[in-house]
Protein backbone atom coordinates (compact mmCIF):
# COMPACT_ATOMS: atom_id res chain seq x y z
CA UNK A 1 16.80 0.90 -4.12
CA UNK A 2 15.13 2.09 -0.92
CA UNK A 3 15.66 5.70 -1.93
CA UNK A 4 14.27 4.97 -5.39
CA UNK A 5 11.14 3.53 -3.80
CA UNK A 6 10.78 6.57 -1.53
CA UNK A 7 11.22 8.84 -4.56
CA UNK A 8 8.50 6.87 -6.37
CA UNK A 9 6.11 7.27 -3.41
CA UNK A 10 6.79 11.03 -3.35
CA UNK A 11 6.47 11.36 -7.13
CA UNK A 12 3.15 9.49 -7.25
CA UNK A 13 1.89 11.53 -4.26
CA UNK A 14 2.78 14.76 -6.07
CA UNK A 15 1.12 13.54 -9.27
CA UNK A 16 -1.93 12.67 -7.17
CA UNK A 17 -2.03 16.23 -5.81
CA UNK A 18 -1.91 17.61 -9.33
CA UNK A 19 -4.70 15.27 -10.38
CA UNK A 20 -6.73 16.34 -7.33
CA UNK A 21 -6.37 20.00 -8.34
CA UNK A 22 -7.56 19.19 -11.86
CA UNK A 23 -10.70 17.34 -10.83
CA UNK A 24 -14.05 19.02 -11.34
CA UNK A 25 -15.84 16.25 -9.44
CA UNK A 26 -15.55 16.74 -5.66
CA UNK A 27 -15.58 13.01 -4.84
CA UNK A 28 -12.61 12.34 -7.11
CA UNK A 29 -10.78 15.42 -5.84
CA UNK A 30 -11.16 14.17 -2.24
CA UNK A 31 -10.08 10.65 -3.26
CA UNK A 32 -6.85 11.97 -4.81
CA UNK A 33 -6.13 14.30 -1.89
CA UNK A 34 -6.53 11.46 0.63
CA UNK A 35 -4.53 9.08 -1.51
CA UNK A 36 -1.73 11.62 -1.92
CA UNK A 37 -1.56 12.20 1.83
CA UNK A 38 -1.47 8.44 2.37
CA UNK A 39 1.36 8.03 -0.13
CA UNK A 40 3.32 10.84 1.53
CA UNK A 41 2.94 9.03 4.85
CA UNK A 42 4.09 5.77 3.23
CA UNK A 43 7.17 7.56 1.86
CA UNK A 44 7.95 8.75 5.39
CA UNK A 45 7.27 5.26 6.72
CA UNK A 46 9.65 3.81 4.17
CA UNK A 47 12.42 6.10 5.42
CA UNK A 48 11.72 5.64 9.13
CA UNK A 49 11.06 1.88 8.76
CA UNK A 50 8.09 2.01 11.12
CA UNK A 51 6.97 -1.50 10.20
CA UNK A 52 10.25 -2.91 11.54
CA UNK A 53 9.62 -1.09 14.81
CA UNK A 54 6.10 -2.59 14.89
CA UNK A 55 7.53 -6.06 14.23
CA UNK A 56 10.13 -5.66 16.99
CA UNK A 57 7.44 -4.44 19.40
CA UNK A 58 5.25 -7.46 18.58
CA UNK A 59 8.19 -9.83 19.08
CA UNK A 60 8.99 -8.29 22.47
CA UNK A 61 5.34 -8.49 23.53
CA UNK A 62 5.14 -12.13 22.43
CA UNK A 63 8.23 -13.01 24.45
CA UNK A 64 7.13 -11.00 27.48
CA UNK A 65 3.65 -12.49 27.59
CA UNK A 66 4.71 -16.07 26.84
CA UNK A 67 3.11 -16.77 23.45
CA UNK A 68 6.25 -16.44 21.34
CA UNK A 69 6.30 -20.20 20.64
CA UNK A 70 2.82 -19.90 19.05
CA UNK A 71 3.80 -16.89 16.96
CA UNK A 72 3.46 -18.68 13.59
CA UNK A 73 -0.22 -19.35 14.16
CA UNK A 74 -0.76 -15.79 15.36
CA UNK A 75 1.12 -14.46 12.33
CA UNK A 76 -0.99 -16.53 9.92
CA UNK A 77 -4.21 -15.36 11.54
CA UNK A 78 -2.96 -11.77 11.54
CA UNK A 79 -2.02 -12.00 7.85
CA UNK A 80 -5.45 -13.45 7.02
CA UNK A 81 -7.13 -10.61 8.91
CA UNK A 82 -4.95 -8.01 7.18
CA UNK A 83 -5.65 -9.46 3.74
CA UNK A 84 -9.36 -9.54 4.52
CA UNK A 85 -9.12 -5.94 5.71
CA UNK A 86 -7.36 -4.87 2.51
CA UNK A 87 -10.01 -6.68 0.47
CA UNK A 88 -12.83 -5.05 2.46
CA UNK A 89 -11.13 -1.67 2.06
CA UNK A 90 -11.05 -2.19 -1.71
CA UNK A 91 -14.70 -3.29 -1.77
CA UNK A 92 -15.70 -0.29 0.37
CA UNK A 93 -13.86 2.12 -1.91
CA UNK A 94 -15.33 0.37 -4.93
CA UNK A 95 -18.86 0.76 -3.54
CA UNK A 96 -18.34 4.36 -2.42
CA UNK A 97 -16.80 5.40 -5.72
CA UNK A 98 -19.01 3.25 -7.95
CA UNK A 99 -19.91 6.08 -10.32
CA UNK A 100 -16.20 6.88 -10.80
CA UNK A 101 -14.88 3.34 -10.94
CA UNK A 102 -14.10 3.30 -14.66
CA UNK A 103 -11.45 5.95 -13.97
CA UNK A 104 -10.30 5.13 -10.44
CA UNK A 105 -10.07 1.33 -10.49
CA UNK A 106 -6.29 1.16 -11.08
CA UNK A 107 -5.63 3.50 -8.15
CA UNK A 108 -7.98 1.57 -5.86
CA UNK A 109 -6.32 -1.68 -6.88
CA UNK A 110 -2.85 -0.16 -6.36
CA UNK A 111 -3.48 1.26 -2.89
CA UNK A 112 -5.24 -1.91 -1.74
CA UNK A 113 -2.30 -3.97 -2.98
CA UNK A 114 0.22 -1.65 -1.31
CA UNK A 115 -1.61 -1.69 2.02
CA UNK A 116 -1.84 -5.49 2.00
CA UNK A 117 1.85 -5.79 1.07
CA UNK A 118 2.98 -3.36 3.76
CA UNK A 119 0.81 -4.97 6.42
CA UNK A 120 2.06 -8.47 5.64
CA UNK A 121 5.62 -7.16 5.55
CA UNK A 122 5.12 -5.61 8.98
CA UNK A 123 4.13 -8.96 10.45
CA UNK A 124 7.62 -10.29 9.72
CA UNK A 125 6.38 -13.72 8.61
CA UNK A 126 9.53 -15.67 7.74
CA UNK A 127 8.16 -17.42 4.63
CA UNK A 128 6.90 -14.13 3.17
CA UNK A 129 10.26 -12.50 3.95
CA UNK A 130 11.98 -15.32 2.03
CA UNK A 131 9.61 -14.81 -0.92
CA UNK A 132 10.16 -11.05 -1.15
CA UNK A 133 13.90 -11.61 -0.90
CA UNK A 134 13.91 -13.60 -4.16
CA UNK A 135 15.60 -12.07 -7.20
CA UNK A 136 13.80 -11.85 -10.53
CA UNK A 137 15.82 -10.40 -13.42
CA UNK A 138 18.27 -8.87 -10.91
CA UNK A 139 15.45 -7.18 -9.01
CA UNK A 140 14.25 -8.23 -5.59
CA UNK A 141 10.66 -9.39 -5.44
CA UNK A 142 10.14 -6.81 -2.67
CA UNK A 143 10.82 -3.97 -5.12
CA UNK A 144 8.68 -5.49 -7.86
CA UNK A 145 5.69 -5.93 -5.57
CA UNK A 146 5.88 -2.52 -3.93
CA UNK A 147 6.56 -0.61 -7.14
CA UNK A 148 3.77 -2.41 -9.00
CA UNK A 149 1.25 -0.95 -6.55
CA UNK A 150 2.65 2.51 -7.23
CA UNK A 151 2.49 1.90 -10.99
CA UNK A 152 -1.21 1.01 -10.66
CA UNK A 153 -1.83 4.25 -8.77
CA UNK A 154 0.10 6.24 -11.38
CA UNK A 155 -2.00 4.61 -14.11
CA UNK A 156 -5.12 5.63 -12.19
CA UNK A 157 -3.77 9.17 -11.97
CA UNK A 158 -3.23 9.27 -15.73
CA UNK A 159 -6.77 8.02 -16.33
CA UNK A 160 -8.20 10.55 -13.88
CA UNK A 161 -6.22 13.34 -15.52
CA UNK A 162 -7.53 12.36 -18.92
CA UNK A 163 -11.15 12.11 -17.75
CA UNK A 164 -11.05 14.88 -15.14
CA UNK A 165 -14.36 16.45 -16.16
CA UNK A 166 -16.42 13.35 -16.91
């Protein structure tokens, strides 16, 4: 399923590039170009598993500097900060793209959701790892959460394609 997820990232990134080319409004064109580049990076990240390297680095630092026993508190604070950052990112995009929001809102929601999910996943919080390991209808929660963000972005791409000149 990892390869399927990577393929979905690449497919949505390529769709985003096509949408960017079709846009007559410069702000929307730039939004889709940046989003497509971000999705391409996330596809690469998914293959290289950079968040696991970040988690391992954090664990080593915690052990080396003596705060490993307090890691749960640090993880909770870090997750709260990341969620707040994802929310602020969404609000900032919303404000910046206010005149285009009726078309871009699914993509903004999707990328904000993906960034929050990836950041929390990178923290390696045990309870969250247990949650995303759950199976729902023979699909892991991890796949459902990650792919739902991509579906939101794809929906935003379809809306932008349809309303490319307005």
